[in-house]
Amino acid sequence: MNCFDVRFTSEAARVRGVHVLEGVGGLKVTPYDSSVWVIVLHLPLDMSQQVVVRTLGRFGKVTGYEEPEFLECKGVRTGTRRVTVELKSDIPSTLWANGHRAHIAYPGQPRTCWRCGLEGHEAGLCPNKRCSRCLQVGHTLAECKGDIVCNSCGKTGQLASLCKDRSYAARVATGVVEAVPVPPLTSASDILSSPQCPTLAPQWMLCSLFRV
């Protein structure tokens, strides 16, 4: 019996390809698990797991979630999220979550424009308009006649600031949670002497905190 390993360039192509191959007589098709590790970058550290999972849940079933920590500083998160998703459709290169733009990457992801979300070009050469009100391509905010769409959950008729899972700052402002005070750092020695960080802090961290 001959076996063939067929790979596709995107999740949408995989779904279509499997459907076509299953219709071929005498051919047994065994699809691989569609789960992928999705890397989510550039979201605030205080953004909840629930918001990230809900945002990615529009593209498939979320089955795993991790927030990696610095190897040199146990307990200090890097800000990156690693999420396992059983994809039903491809995820764009960028997504909005509670008013913050996240950058998304995973194996086999189609390259899309960061501005309009379409394939075939990059943001610097984007010919398309994209409305920040209804999130549709083809017109600007001033030209929009559609309903407002939440850029966090994708629901029609509400702003992201009124979404039930808002940012930590918004929840503190409305009294849903109490703010946790953070002691100020006065010098680089405060970082280096921290019990959570017995080794040297990353150079980029020191530069960003104490640059003059």
N, C-alpha and C. Protein backbone atom coordinates (compact mmCIF):
# COMPACT_ATOMS: atom_id res chain seq x y z
N MET A 1 0.85 -1.20 0.00
CA MET A 1 0.00 0.00 0.00
C MET A 1 0.88 1.24 0.00
N ASN A 2 0.62 2.17 -0.90
CA ASN A 2 1.38 3.42 -0.97
C ASN A 2 0.77 4.47 -0.05
N CYS A 3 1.63 5.22 0.63
CA CYS A 3 1.18 6.30 1.51
C CYS A 3 1.80 7.62 1.05
N PHE A 4 1.04 8.68 1.15
CA PHE A 4 1.51 10.00 0.73
C PHE A 4 1.23 11.00 1.86
N ASP A 5 2.23 11.84 2.14
CA ASP A 5 2.09 12.91 3.13
C ASP A 5 1.80 14.21 2.39
N VAL A 6 0.58 14.70 2.49
CA VAL A 6 0.16 15.89 1.76
C VAL A 6 0.11 17.07 2.72
N ARG A 7 0.80 18.16 2.36
CA ARG A 7 0.81 19.36 3.20
C ARG A 7 0.16 20.52 2.44
N PHE A 8 -0.44 21.43 3.20
CA PHE A 8 -1.15 22.55 2.61
C PHE A 8 -0.56 23.87 3.11
N THR A 9 -0.78 24.93 2.35
CA THR A 9 -0.19 26.23 2.68
C THR A 9 -0.98 27.00 3.73
N SER A 10 -2.21 26.61 4.01
CA SER A 10 -3.03 27.30 5.00
C SER A 10 -4.09 26.35 5.53
N GLU A 11 -4.74 26.75 6.64
CA GLU A 11 -5.79 25.92 7.22
C GLU A 11 -6.99 25.83 6.29
N ALA A 12 -7.32 26.94 5.63
CA ALA A 12 -8.45 26.92 4.70
C ALA A 12 -8.19 25.95 3.54
N ALA A 13 -6.95 25.95 3.04
CA ALA A 13 -6.60 25.03 1.95
C ALA A 13 -6.63 23.59 2.43
N ARG A 14 -6.23 23.36 3.69
CA ARG A 14 -6.24 22.00 4.24
C ARG A 14 -7.67 21.46 4.33
N VAL A 15 -8.59 22.30 4.81
CA VAL A 15 -9.99 21.87 4.93
C VAL A 15 -10.56 21.53 3.56
N ARG A 16 -10.30 22.38 2.57
CA ARG A 16 -10.81 22.12 1.21
C ARG A 16 -10.15 20.88 0.62
N GLY A 17 -8.84 20.75 0.83
CA GLY A 17 -8.11 19.62 0.27
C GLY A 17 -8.56 18.28 0.82
N VAL A 18 -8.77 18.22 2.14
CA VAL A 18 -9.25 16.98 2.76
C VAL A 18 -10.62 16.61 2.21
N HIS A 19 -11.48 17.61 2.04
CA HIS A 19 -12.83 17.34 1.51
C HIS A 19 -12.75 16.76 0.10
N VAL A 20 -11.86 17.31 -0.73
CA VAL A 20 -11.72 16.82 -2.11
C VAL A 20 -11.14 15.41 -2.13
N LEU A 21 -10.10 15.17 -1.32
CA LEU A 21 -9.44 13.87 -1.32
C LEU A 21 -10.36 12.77 -0.78
N GLU A 22 -11.21 13.12 0.19
CA GLU A 22 -12.13 12.12 0.74
C GLU A 22 -13.14 11.65 -0.30
N GLY A 23 -13.32 12.43 -1.36
CA GLY A 23 -14.26 12.05 -2.41
C GLY A 23 -13.65 11.17 -3.49
N VAL A 24 -12.36 10.87 -3.36
CA VAL A 24 -11.69 10.02 -4.35
C VAL A 24 -11.88 8.56 -3.96
N GLY A 25 -12.43 7.76 -4.85
CA GLY A 25 -12.69 6.36 -4.56
C GLY A 25 -11.43 5.56 -4.31
N GLY A 26 -11.46 4.71 -3.28
CA GLY A 26 -10.34 3.85 -2.96
C GLY A 26 -9.21 4.54 -2.22
N LEU A 27 -9.40 5.80 -1.87
CA LEU A 27 -8.35 6.56 -1.17
C LEU A 27 -8.77 6.79 0.28
N LYS A 28 -7.94 6.36 1.22
CA LYS A 28 -8.21 6.56 2.64
C LYS A 28 -7.46 7.80 3.11
N VAL A 29 -8.19 8.75 3.66
CA VAL A 29 -7.60 10.01 4.11
C VAL A 29 -7.60 10.06 5.63
N THR A 30 -6.44 10.28 6.22
CA THR A 30 -6.31 10.41 7.68
C THR A 30 -5.72 11.77 7.99
N PRO A 31 -6.55 12.77 8.30
CA PRO A 31 -6.03 14.12 8.57
C PRO A 31 -5.21 14.16 9.86
N TYR A 32 -4.18 15.00 9.87
CA TYR A 32 -3.43 15.26 11.09
C TYR A 32 -4.27 16.11 12.03
N ASP A 33 -3.88 16.12 13.29
CA ASP A 33 -4.50 17.02 14.25
C ASP A 33 -4.26 18.45 13.80
N SER A 34 -5.31 19.26 13.79
CA SER A 34 -5.19 20.64 13.31
C SER A 34 -4.72 21.60 14.40
N SER A 35 -4.37 21.10 15.59
CA SER A 35 -3.92 21.97 16.67
C SER A 35 -2.56 22.57 16.35
N VAL A 36 -2.39 23.85 16.64
CA VAL A 36 -1.11 24.52 16.46
C VAL A 36 -0.82 25.38 17.69
N TRP A 37 0.48 25.61 17.93
CA TRP A 37 0.87 26.55 18.97
C TRP A 37 0.87 27.95 18.37
N VAL A 38 0.04 28.82 18.90
CA VAL A 38 -0.07 30.19 18.42
C VAL A 38 0.69 31.11 19.37
N ILE A 39 1.61 31.90 18.83
CA ILE A 39 2.37 32.86 19.63
C ILE A 39 1.68 34.21 19.55
N VAL A 40 1.39 34.79 20.72
CA VAL A 40 0.71 36.09 20.80
C VAL A 40 1.67 37.09 21.44
N LEU A 41 1.97 38.18 20.73
CA LEU A 41 2.94 39.17 21.19
C LEU A 41 2.30 40.54 21.36
N HIS A 42 2.95 41.37 22.19
CA HIS A 42 2.67 42.80 22.32
C HIS A 42 1.33 43.11 22.99
N LEU A 43 0.89 42.27 23.90
CA LEU A 43 -0.28 42.58 24.73
C LEU A 43 0.20 42.95 26.13
N PRO A 44 -0.56 43.78 26.87
CA PRO A 44 -0.16 44.15 28.22
C PRO A 44 -0.07 42.94 29.14
N LEU A 45 0.84 42.99 30.10
CA LEU A 45 0.99 41.89 31.05
C LEU A 45 -0.27 41.66 31.86
N ASP A 46 -1.04 42.75 32.12
CA ASP A 46 -2.22 42.60 32.98
C ASP A 46 -3.46 42.16 32.21
N MET A 47 -3.35 41.92 30.92
CA MET A 47 -4.52 41.44 30.18
C MET A 47 -4.82 40.00 30.58
N SER A 48 -6.06 39.72 30.89
CA SER A 48 -6.43 38.42 31.44
C SER A 48 -6.37 37.31 30.40
N GLN A 49 -6.21 36.09 30.89
CA GLN A 49 -6.24 34.91 30.03
C GLN A 49 -7.57 34.81 29.31
N GLN A 50 -8.65 35.17 29.99
CA GLN A 50 -9.99 35.06 29.41
C GLN A 50 -10.11 35.90 28.14
N VAL A 51 -9.53 37.11 28.15
CA VAL A 51 -9.61 37.98 26.98
C VAL A 51 -8.85 37.38 25.80
N VAL A 52 -7.64 36.86 26.06
CA VAL A 52 -6.82 36.27 25.00
C VAL A 52 -7.52 35.04 24.41
N VAL A 53 -8.05 34.18 25.29
CA VAL A 53 -8.72 32.96 24.84
C VAL A 53 -9.97 33.30 24.03
N ARG A 54 -10.72 34.28 24.48
CA ARG A 54 -11.93 34.67 23.76
C ARG A 54 -11.59 35.23 22.38
N THR A 55 -10.53 36.03 22.30
CA THR A 55 -10.13 36.63 21.03
C THR A 55 -9.73 35.56 20.02
N LEU A 56 -8.91 34.59 20.45
CA LEU A 56 -8.48 33.53 19.55
C LEU A 56 -9.57 32.49 19.31
N GLY A 57 -10.54 32.41 20.23
CA GLY A 57 -11.62 31.44 20.09
C GLY A 57 -12.50 31.68 18.88
N ARG A 58 -12.41 32.86 18.29
CA ARG A 58 -13.17 33.14 17.07
C ARG A 58 -12.63 32.35 15.88
N PHE A 59 -11.42 31.78 16.02
CA PHE A 59 -10.78 31.08 14.90
C PHE A 59 -10.65 29.58 15.14
N GLY A 60 -11.13 29.10 16.28
CA GLY A 60 -11.06 27.68 16.58
C GLY A 60 -11.18 27.43 18.07
N LYS A 61 -11.03 26.18 18.45
CA LYS A 61 -11.16 25.79 19.85
C LYS A 61 -9.82 25.91 20.56
N VAL A 62 -9.78 26.70 21.64
CA VAL A 62 -8.56 26.87 22.42
C VAL A 62 -8.45 25.72 23.41
N THR A 63 -7.33 25.00 23.36
CA THR A 63 -7.15 23.82 24.22
C THR A 63 -5.98 23.95 25.18
N GLY A 64 -5.21 25.02 25.08
CA GLY A 64 -4.07 25.19 25.99
C GLY A 64 -3.63 26.64 26.05
N TYR A 65 -3.03 27.02 27.19
CA TYR A 65 -2.61 28.42 27.38
C TYR A 65 -1.40 28.46 28.30
N GLU A 66 -0.37 29.21 27.89
CA GLU A 66 0.83 29.36 28.71
C GLU A 66 1.31 30.81 28.66
N GLU A 67 1.92 31.25 29.76
CA GLU A 67 2.59 32.55 29.81
C GLU A 67 4.03 32.30 30.25
N PRO A 68 4.98 32.19 29.31
CA PRO A 68 6.37 31.87 29.65
C PRO A 68 6.99 32.91 30.57
N GLU A 69 8.00 32.47 31.33
CA GLU A 69 8.74 33.35 32.24
C GLU A 69 10.19 33.44 31.79
N PHE A 70 10.87 34.51 32.20
CA PHE A 70 12.30 34.64 31.93
C PHE A 70 13.06 33.53 32.64
N LEU A 71 14.00 32.91 31.94
CA LEU A 71 14.80 31.86 32.57
C LEU A 71 15.64 32.42 33.71
N GLU A 72 16.12 33.68 33.55
CA GLU A 72 16.97 34.28 34.57
C GLU A 72 16.19 34.78 35.77
N CYS A 73 14.88 35.00 35.59
CA CYS A 73 14.07 35.60 36.66
C CYS A 73 12.78 34.80 36.82
N LYS A 74 12.80 33.78 37.62
CA LYS A 74 11.62 32.96 37.84
C LYS A 74 10.49 33.80 38.43
N GLY A 75 9.30 33.62 37.89
CA GLY A 75 8.15 34.37 38.36
C GLY A 75 7.91 35.65 37.59
N VAL A 76 8.85 36.04 36.73
CA VAL A 76 8.70 37.26 35.92
C VAL A 76 8.31 36.86 34.50
N ARG A 77 7.11 37.22 34.09
CA ARG A 77 6.60 36.82 32.78
C ARG A 77 7.22 37.65 31.66
N THR A 78 7.37 37.04 30.50
CA THR A 78 7.95 37.72 29.34
C THR A 78 6.94 38.60 28.63
N GLY A 79 5.64 38.34 28.83
CA GLY A 79 4.60 39.06 28.11
C GLY A 79 4.08 38.29 26.91
N THR A 80 4.82 37.27 26.50
CA THR A 80 4.38 36.43 25.38
C THR A 80 3.34 35.41 25.86
N ARG A 81 2.34 35.15 25.04
CA ARG A 81 1.38 34.08 25.33
C ARG A 81 1.55 32.96 24.30
N ARG A 82 1.51 31.72 24.75
CA ARG A 82 1.54 30.56 23.86
C ARG A 82 0.21 29.83 24.03
N VAL A 83 -0.56 29.78 22.97
CA VAL A 83 -1.92 29.25 23.04
C VAL A 83 -2.08 28.13 22.02
N THR A 84 -2.62 26.98 22.48
CA THR A 84 -2.91 25.88 21.58
C THR A 84 -4.33 26.04 21.03
N VAL A 85 -4.45 26.03 19.70
CA VAL A 85 -5.75 26.25 19.06
C VAL A 85 -5.99 25.17 18.01
N GLU A 86 -7.17 24.56 18.04
CA GLU A 86 -7.61 23.67 16.96
C GLU A 86 -8.27 24.56 15.91
N LEU A 87 -7.50 24.91 14.89
CA LEU A 87 -7.92 25.93 13.93
C LEU A 87 -9.11 25.49 13.08
N LYS A 88 -10.07 26.41 12.94
CA LYS A 88 -11.16 26.26 11.99
C LYS A 88 -10.98 27.21 10.82
N SER A 89 -10.24 28.28 11.05
CA SER A 89 -9.91 29.24 9.99
C SER A 89 -8.59 29.90 10.34
N ASP A 90 -7.91 30.43 9.34
CA ASP A 90 -6.61 31.06 9.57
C ASP A 90 -6.75 32.33 10.39
N ILE A 91 -5.73 32.60 11.22
CA ILE A 91 -5.70 33.79 12.06
C ILE A 91 -4.86 34.86 11.36
N PRO A 92 -5.35 36.10 11.28
CA PRO A 92 -4.55 37.17 10.66
C PRO A 92 -3.26 37.43 11.44
N SER A 93 -2.35 38.15 10.81
CA SER A 93 -1.07 38.47 11.45
C SER A 93 -1.25 39.40 12.64
N THR A 94 -2.30 40.19 12.65
CA THR A 94 -2.59 41.07 13.78
C THR A 94 -4.06 40.95 14.17
N LEU A 95 -4.31 41.10 15.46
CA LEU A 95 -5.67 41.09 16.01
C LEU A 95 -5.78 42.18 17.06
N TRP A 96 -7.00 42.67 17.26
CA TRP A 96 -7.25 43.64 18.33
C TRP A 96 -7.87 42.91 19.52
N ALA A 97 -7.35 43.19 20.71
CA ALA A 97 -7.89 42.62 21.94
C ALA A 97 -7.99 43.73 22.98
N ASN A 98 -9.21 44.09 23.33
CA ASN A 98 -9.44 45.17 24.29
C ASN A 98 -8.70 46.45 23.93
N GLY A 99 -8.72 46.81 22.67
CA GLY A 99 -8.10 48.05 22.24
C GLY A 99 -6.60 47.97 22.02
N HIS A 100 -6.01 46.80 22.18
CA HIS A 100 -4.57 46.61 21.98
C HIS A 100 -4.34 45.72 20.77
N ARG A 101 -3.36 46.10 19.95
CA ARG A 101 -3.04 45.30 18.76
C ARG A 101 -2.04 44.22 19.11
N ALA A 102 -2.43 42.97 18.90
CA ALA A 102 -1.55 41.83 19.14
C ALA A 102 -1.01 41.33 17.81
N HIS A 103 0.23 40.86 17.83
CA HIS A 103 0.83 40.25 16.65
C HIS A 103 0.81 38.73 16.83
N ILE A 104 0.35 38.03 15.82
CA ILE A 104 0.10 36.59 15.90
C ILE A 104 1.03 35.85 14.94
N ALA A 105 1.55 34.71 15.41
CA ALA A 105 2.40 33.88 14.55
C ALA A 105 2.20 32.41 14.91
N TYR A 106 2.17 31.56 13.88
CA TYR A 106 2.10 30.11 14.09
C TYR A 106 2.55 29.41 12.81
N PRO A 107 2.98 28.16 12.89
CA PRO A 107 3.45 27.44 11.70
C PRO A 107 2.36 27.32 10.64
N GLY A 108 2.70 27.63 9.40
CA GLY A 108 1.74 27.53 8.31
C GLY A 108 0.81 28.71 8.16
N GLN A 109 1.03 29.75 8.95
CA GLN A 109 0.14 30.92 8.88
C GLN A 109 0.35 31.69 7.57
N PRO A 110 -0.73 32.00 6.85
CA PRO A 110 -0.59 32.82 5.64
C PRO A 110 -0.11 34.22 6.01
N ARG A 111 0.74 34.80 5.19
CA ARG A 111 1.24 36.14 5.44
C ARG A 111 0.19 37.16 5.03
N THR A 112 -0.25 37.98 5.98
CA THR A 112 -1.30 38.95 5.70
C THR A 112 -0.83 40.36 6.04
N CYS A 113 -1.50 41.32 5.46
CA CYS A 113 -1.20 42.73 5.71
C CYS A 113 -1.63 43.12 7.12
N TRP A 114 -0.76 43.81 7.85
CA TRP A 114 -1.10 44.23 9.21
C TRP A 114 -2.18 45.30 9.23
N ARG A 115 -2.39 45.98 8.13
CA ARG A 115 -3.35 47.07 8.10
C ARG A 115 -4.76 46.60 7.78
N CYS A 116 -4.91 45.83 6.69
CA CYS A 116 -6.25 45.43 6.25
C CYS A 116 -6.56 43.96 6.51
N GLY A 117 -5.53 43.15 6.83
CA GLY A 117 -5.75 41.75 7.13
C GLY A 117 -5.84 40.84 5.92
N LEU A 118 -5.65 41.38 4.72
CA LEU A 118 -5.75 40.58 3.50
C LEU A 118 -4.37 40.07 3.07
N GLU A 119 -4.37 39.02 2.25
CA GLU A 119 -3.13 38.44 1.77
C GLU A 119 -2.66 39.14 0.49
N GLY A 120 -1.38 38.94 0.17
CA GLY A 120 -0.87 39.40 -1.11
C GLY A 120 -0.03 40.65 -1.09
N HIS A 121 0.03 41.35 0.05
CA HIS A 121 0.85 42.56 0.13
C HIS A 121 1.16 42.85 1.59
N GLU A 122 2.07 43.81 1.83
CA GLU A 122 2.44 44.22 3.18
C GLU A 122 1.82 45.57 3.49
N ALA A 123 1.86 45.93 4.78
CA ALA A 123 1.18 47.15 5.23
C ALA A 123 1.72 48.40 4.54
N GLY A 124 3.04 48.44 4.28
CA GLY A 124 3.63 49.62 3.66
C GLY A 124 3.13 49.88 2.25
N LEU A 125 2.62 48.84 1.59
CA LEU A 125 2.11 48.97 0.22
C LEU A 125 0.61 48.70 0.16
N CYS A 126 -0.07 48.81 1.29
CA CYS A 126 -1.50 48.47 1.34
C CYS A 126 -2.33 49.48 0.55
N PRO A 127 -3.13 49.00 -0.41
CA PRO A 127 -3.99 49.89 -1.20
C PRO A 127 -5.39 50.02 -0.62
N ASN A 128 -5.66 49.34 0.48
CA ASN A 128 -7.03 49.24 0.99
C ASN A 128 -7.28 50.18 2.16
N LYS A 129 -8.50 50.66 2.23
CA LYS A 129 -8.96 51.41 3.39
C LYS A 129 -9.56 50.42 4.39
N ARG A 130 -9.41 50.72 5.67
CA ARG A 130 -10.02 49.86 6.69
C ARG A 130 -10.67 50.74 7.75
N CYS A 131 -11.94 50.50 8.01
CA CYS A 131 -12.71 51.30 8.95
C CYS A 131 -12.44 50.86 10.38
N SER A 132 -12.16 51.82 11.25
CA SER A 132 -11.92 51.50 12.66
C SER A 132 -13.22 51.37 13.45
N ARG A 133 -14.36 51.66 12.81
CA ARG A 133 -15.66 51.56 13.49
C ARG A 133 -16.28 50.17 13.29
N CYS A 134 -16.42 49.75 12.02
CA CYS A 134 -17.05 48.46 11.73
C CYS A 134 -16.04 47.37 11.40
N LEU A 135 -14.74 47.76 11.31
CA LEU A 135 -13.62 46.85 11.07
C LEU A 135 -13.64 46.22 9.68
N GLN A 136 -14.40 46.80 8.76
CA GLN A 136 -14.48 46.27 7.40
C GLN A 136 -13.51 47.01 6.47
N VAL A 137 -13.10 46.31 5.42
CA VAL A 137 -12.20 46.88 4.43
C VAL A 137 -13.01 47.52 3.31
N GLY A 138 -12.55 48.68 2.81
CA GLY A 138 -13.21 49.32 1.68
C GLY A 138 -13.63 50.75 1.92
N HIS A 139 -13.62 51.20 3.18
CA HIS A 139 -13.99 52.58 3.48
C HIS A 139 -13.33 53.02 4.78
N THR A 140 -13.37 54.32 5.06
CA THR A 140 -12.78 54.87 6.28
C THR A 140 -13.86 55.14 7.32
N LEU A 141 -13.43 55.57 8.50
CA LEU A 141 -14.37 55.89 9.57
C LEU A 141 -15.33 56.99 9.14
N ALA A 142 -14.83 58.02 8.46
CA ALA A 142 -15.68 59.14 8.03
C ALA A 142 -16.75 58.69 7.04
N GLU A 143 -16.49 57.63 6.31
CA GLU A 143 -17.43 57.15 5.29
C GLU A 143 -18.33 56.03 5.80
N CYS A 144 -18.14 55.61 7.05
CA CYS A 144 -18.83 54.42 7.56
C CYS A 144 -20.31 54.68 7.80
N LYS A 145 -21.14 53.74 7.36
CA LYS A 145 -22.58 53.78 7.60
C LYS A 145 -23.05 52.52 8.34
N GLY A 146 -22.10 51.70 8.75
CA GLY A 146 -22.45 50.45 9.42
C GLY A 146 -22.47 50.58 10.93
N ASP A 147 -22.77 49.49 11.60
CA ASP A 147 -22.81 49.46 13.06
C ASP A 147 -21.40 49.32 13.61
N ILE A 148 -21.20 49.84 14.81
CA ILE A 148 -19.91 49.71 15.46
C ILE A 148 -19.68 48.26 15.88
N VAL A 149 -18.44 47.81 15.77
CA VAL A 149 -18.08 46.44 16.12
C VAL A 149 -16.98 46.46 17.17
N CYS A 150 -17.14 45.68 18.22
CA CYS A 150 -16.13 45.58 19.28
C CYS A 150 -14.88 44.92 18.71
N ASN A 151 -13.73 45.61 18.81
CA ASN A 151 -12.51 45.02 18.26
C ASN A 151 -11.86 44.03 19.21
N SER A 152 -12.54 43.75 20.33
CA SER A 152 -12.04 42.75 21.27
C SER A 152 -12.73 41.41 21.07
N CYS A 153 -14.08 41.42 21.06
CA CYS A 153 -14.83 40.17 20.96
C CYS A 153 -15.50 39.98 19.61
N GLY A 154 -15.55 41.05 18.79
CA GLY A 154 -16.15 40.94 17.47
C GLY A 154 -17.65 41.11 17.43
N LYS A 155 -18.27 41.43 18.58
CA LYS A 155 -19.72 41.60 18.61
C LYS A 155 -20.11 42.98 18.09
N THR A 156 -21.29 43.04 17.49
CA THR A 156 -21.80 44.29 16.94
C THR A 156 -22.54 45.08 18.01
N GLY A 157 -22.36 46.40 18.01
CA GLY A 157 -23.14 47.25 18.88
C GLY A 157 -22.49 47.68 20.17
N GLN A 158 -21.20 47.44 20.35
CA GLN A 158 -20.54 47.86 21.58
C GLN A 158 -19.08 48.23 21.32
N LEU A 159 -18.58 49.15 22.13
CA LEU A 159 -17.18 49.53 22.09
C LEU A 159 -16.36 48.53 22.90
N ALA A 160 -15.07 48.44 22.58
CA ALA A 160 -14.19 47.56 23.35
C ALA A 160 -14.12 48.02 24.80
N SER A 161 -14.23 49.34 25.03
CA SER A 161 -14.16 49.86 26.40
C SER A 161 -15.36 49.45 27.24
N LEU A 162 -16.45 49.02 26.58
CA LEU A 162 -17.65 48.56 27.29
C LEU A 162 -17.79 47.05 27.27
N CYS A 163 -16.78 46.36 26.73
CA CYS A 163 -16.80 44.90 26.69
C CYS A 163 -16.70 44.36 28.12
N LYS A 164 -17.34 43.23 28.38
CA LYS A 164 -17.40 42.72 29.75
C LYS A 164 -16.03 42.34 30.29
N ASP A 165 -15.09 42.00 29.41
CA ASP A 165 -13.74 41.67 29.85
C ASP A 165 -12.79 42.77 29.41
N ARG A 166 -12.85 43.88 30.12
CA ARG A 166 -12.04 45.01 29.73
C ARG A 166 -10.64 44.91 30.31
N SER A 167 -9.83 45.90 30.02
CA SER A 167 -8.46 45.92 30.53
C SER A 167 -8.46 46.07 32.04
N TYR A 168 -7.32 45.75 32.65
CA TYR A 168 -7.18 45.87 34.10
C TYR A 168 -7.44 47.30 34.56
N ALA A 169 -6.92 48.27 33.81
CA ALA A 169 -7.09 49.67 34.18
C ALA A 169 -8.57 50.06 34.19
N ALA A 170 -9.32 49.57 33.20
CA ALA A 170 -10.75 49.89 33.13
C ALA A 170 -11.51 49.24 34.27
N ARG A 171 -11.13 48.02 34.63
CA ARG A 171 -11.81 47.34 35.73
C ARG A 171 -11.53 48.00 37.07
N VAL A 172 -10.31 48.52 37.23
CA VAL A 172 -9.99 49.27 38.45
C VAL A 172 -10.80 50.55 38.51
N ALA A 173 -10.90 51.26 37.37
CA ALA A 173 -11.61 52.53 37.31
C ALA A 173 -13.09 52.39 37.66
N THR A 174 -13.68 51.25 37.32
CA THR A 174 -15.10 51.03 37.59
C THR A 174 -15.35 50.31 38.91
N GLY A 175 -14.28 50.01 39.65
CA GLY A 175 -14.44 49.39 40.96
C GLY A 175 -14.66 47.90 40.94
N VAL A 176 -14.48 47.25 39.78
CA VAL A 176 -14.68 45.80 39.71
C VAL A 176 -13.59 45.08 40.49
N VAL A 177 -12.37 45.58 40.39
CA VAL A 177 -11.25 45.03 41.16
C VAL A 177 -10.51 46.18 41.81
N GLU A 178 -9.74 45.87 42.85
CA GLU A 178 -8.93 46.87 43.52
C GLU A 178 -7.52 46.86 42.94
N ALA A 179 -6.97 48.05 42.79
CA ALA A 179 -5.61 48.16 42.26
C ALA A 179 -4.62 47.59 43.26
N VAL A 180 -3.63 46.86 42.76
CA VAL A 180 -2.57 46.31 43.60
C VAL A 180 -1.38 47.26 43.55
N PRO A 181 -1.00 47.87 44.68
CA PRO A 181 0.13 48.81 44.65
C PRO A 181 1.43 48.12 44.30
N VAL A 182 2.24 48.79 43.49
CA VAL A 182 3.54 48.26 43.09
C VAL A 182 4.62 49.18 43.65
N PRO A 183 5.55 48.66 44.46
CA PRO A 183 6.60 49.51 45.02
C PRO A 183 7.48 50.07 43.91
N PRO A 184 7.83 51.36 43.98
CA PRO A 184 8.66 51.96 42.92
C PRO A 184 10.09 51.45 42.96
N LEU A 185 10.73 51.40 41.79
CA LEU A 185 12.14 51.06 41.69
C LEU A 185 12.94 52.35 41.72
N THR A 186 13.95 52.40 42.56
CA THR A 186 14.76 53.61 42.69
C THR A 186 16.10 53.51 42.01
N SER A 187 16.59 52.28 41.79
CA SER A 187 17.89 52.12 41.15
C SER A 187 17.99 50.74 40.53
N ALA A 188 19.04 50.56 39.73
CA ALA A 188 19.25 49.26 39.09
C ALA A 188 19.51 48.18 40.12
N SER A 189 20.05 48.54 41.29
CA SER A 189 20.35 47.55 42.32
C SER A 189 19.09 46.92 42.87
N ASP A 190 17.94 47.66 42.78
CA ASP A 190 16.68 47.09 43.25
C ASP A 190 16.30 45.87 42.43
N ILE A 191 16.59 45.91 41.12
CA ILE A 191 16.29 44.77 40.26
C ILE A 191 17.24 43.63 40.53
N LEU A 192 18.55 43.96 40.59
CA LEU A 192 19.57 42.92 40.70
C LEU A 192 19.52 42.21 42.05
N SER A 193 19.03 42.91 43.10
CA SER A 193 18.98 42.30 44.42
C SER A 193 17.65 41.62 44.71
N SER A 194 16.73 41.64 43.74
CA SER A 194 15.42 41.03 43.95
C SER A 194 15.56 39.54 44.17
N PRO A 195 14.84 38.94 45.16
CA PRO A 195 14.92 37.50 45.38
C PRO A 195 14.39 36.69 44.21
N GLN A 196 13.52 37.32 43.36
CA GLN A 196 13.02 36.62 42.18
C GLN A 196 14.02 36.65 41.03
N CYS A 197 15.04 37.49 41.17
CA CYS A 197 16.00 37.63 40.07
C CYS A 197 17.41 37.65 40.63
N PRO A 198 17.96 36.49 41.07
CA PRO A 198 19.28 36.46 41.68
C PRO A 198 20.41 36.66 40.69
N THR A 199 20.13 36.53 39.39
CA THR A 199 21.16 36.73 38.38
C THR A 199 20.97 38.07 37.71
N LEU A 200 21.88 38.42 36.85
CA LEU A 200 21.80 39.71 36.17
C LEU A 200 20.53 39.82 35.34
N ALA A 201 19.86 40.96 35.44
CA ALA A 201 18.67 41.20 34.62
C ALA A 201 19.09 41.38 33.17
N PRO A 202 18.21 41.06 32.21
CA PRO A 202 18.55 41.24 30.80
C PRO A 202 18.96 42.68 30.52
N GLN A 203 19.96 42.86 29.66
CA GLN A 203 20.50 44.18 29.38
C GLN A 203 19.44 45.14 28.86
N TRP A 204 18.52 44.62 28.02
CA TRP A 204 17.51 45.50 27.45
C TRP A 204 16.58 46.06 28.51
N MET A 205 16.38 45.28 29.59
CA MET A 205 15.49 45.73 30.66
C MET A 205 16.10 46.92 31.39
N LEU A 206 17.40 46.81 31.70
CA LEU A 206 18.08 47.90 32.39
C LEU A 206 18.11 49.16 31.53
N CYS A 207 18.35 48.99 30.25
CA CYS A 207 18.43 50.15 29.35
C CYS A 207 17.08 50.86 29.26
N SER A 208 15.99 50.08 29.17
CA SER A 208 14.68 50.70 28.99
C SER A 208 14.20 51.38 30.26
N LEU A 209 14.63 50.87 31.42
CA LEU A 209 14.18 51.45 32.68
C LEU A 209 14.97 52.68 33.08
N PHE A 210 16.27 52.70 32.78
CA PHE A 210 17.13 53.73 33.33
C PHE A 210 17.82 54.57 32.27
N ARG A 211 17.30 54.57 31.04
CA ARG A 211 17.89 55.38 29.99
C ARG A 211 17.68 56.86 30.29
N VAL A 212 18.69 57.69 30.08
CA VAL A 212 18.57 59.13 30.33
C VAL A 212 18.88 59.90 29.05
